[in-house]
């Protein structure tokens, strides 16, 4: 199923992805640091929600209490929990 998440306190306006059971695919950030976010998207494509959380949750950006990577972890967990 396709999901769109509106992250908080980061540059991207949206995070879009597809969730198949607990596996995340086709991650796309709308806005933000284009090159870095494309790289993150490619690196974690095919990972499970749990693995994305274990690597990315809690990452911060500068003085912000979150980051694009942290928001991705939050987004995939919310989507996964919502489909149960």
Protein backbone atom coordinates (compact mmCIF):
# COMPACT_ATOMS: atom_id res chain seq x y z
CA UNK A 1 0.00 0.00 0.00
CA UNK A 2 1.19 3.56 -0.75
CA UNK A 3 1.61 6.07 2.07
CA UNK A 4 2.27 9.79 2.34
CA UNK A 5 3.62 11.26 5.57
CA UNK A 6 3.95 14.95 6.42
CA UNK A 7 7.13 15.25 8.50
CA UNK A 8 7.62 17.74 11.34
CA UNK A 9 10.53 20.15 11.90
CA UNK A 10 12.48 19.17 8.77
CA UNK A 11 12.82 20.60 5.24
CA UNK A 12 10.87 18.00 3.19
CA UNK A 13 7.13 18.60 2.91
CA UNK A 14 6.27 14.94 2.33
CA UNK A 15 7.70 11.45 2.54
CA UNK A 16 6.09 8.93 0.20
CA UNK A 17 6.68 5.20 0.25
CA UNK A 18 5.14 1.80 -0.37
CA UNK A 19 4.73 -0.73 2.42
CA UNK A 20 4.37 -4.46 1.70
CA UNK A 21 3.80 -6.29 4.96
CA UNK A 22 6.72 -4.93 7.01
CA UNK A 23 9.01 -4.07 4.07
CA UNK A 24 9.45 -0.52 2.74
CA UNK A 25 9.93 0.31 -0.96
CA UNK A 26 9.97 3.29 -3.35
CA UNK A 27 10.80 5.97 -0.79
CA UNK A 28 10.52 9.53 -2.11
CA UNK A 29 11.08 12.78 -0.23
CA UNK A 30 9.38 15.93 -1.53
CA UNK A 31 11.69 18.85 -0.76
CA UNK A 32 14.82 18.83 1.36
CA UNK A 33 18.41 17.96 0.41
CA UNK A 34 17.76 16.17 -2.84
CA UNK A 35 21.02 14.24 -3.20
CA UNK A 36 21.24 13.10 0.41
CA UNK A 37 17.61 12.04 0.55
CA UNK A 38 17.88 10.11 -2.71
CA UNK A 39 20.86 8.28 -1.22
CA UNK A 40 18.99 7.41 2.00
CA UNK A 41 16.03 6.23 -0.08
CA UNK A 42 18.21 3.91 -2.16
CA UNK A 43 20.14 2.57 0.82
CA UNK A 44 17.10 1.55 2.87
CA UNK A 45 14.86 0.36 0.01
CA UNK A 46 13.74 -3.17 0.82
CA UNK A 47 14.47 -2.86 4.54
CA UNK A 48 11.91 -3.76 7.17
CA UNK A 49 10.25 -1.18 9.39
CA UNK A 50 12.20 -2.54 12.35
CA UNK A 51 15.56 -2.28 10.58
CA UNK A 52 14.86 1.29 9.43
CA UNK A 53 13.96 2.22 13.00
CA UNK A 54 17.06 0.56 14.44
CA UNK A 55 19.38 2.52 12.12
CA UNK A 56 17.61 5.86 11.70
CA UNK A 57 15.35 6.59 14.67
CA UNK A 58 16.76 9.26 16.92
CA UNK A 59 19.11 10.84 14.37
CA UNK A 60 19.16 14.62 14.68
CA UNK A 61 20.00 17.46 12.29
CA UNK A 62 21.93 20.36 13.76
CA UNK A 63 20.03 21.76 16.73
CA UNK A 64 16.77 20.14 15.65
CA UNK A 65 15.49 17.28 17.80
CA UNK A 66 14.82 15.25 14.64
CA UNK A 67 16.08 14.76 11.07
CA UNK A 68 14.80 13.54 7.72
CA UNK A 69 16.08 10.06 8.57
CA UNK A 70 14.34 10.13 11.97
CA UNK A 71 11.13 11.32 10.34
CA UNK A 72 11.33 8.43 7.85
CA UNK A 73 11.60 5.98 10.75
CA UNK A 74 8.59 7.61 12.41
CA UNK A 75 6.63 7.54 9.13
CA UNK A 76 7.18 3.87 8.36
CA UNK A 77 6.33 2.84 11.93
CA UNK A 78 3.09 4.89 11.83
CA UNK A 79 2.11 3.31 8.51
CA UNK A 80 2.93 -0.20 9.71
CA UNK A 81 1.05 0.23 12.99
CA UNK A 82 -1.91 1.71 11.11
CA UNK A 83 -2.28 -1.35 8.86
CA UNK A 84 -2.45 -3.83 11.75
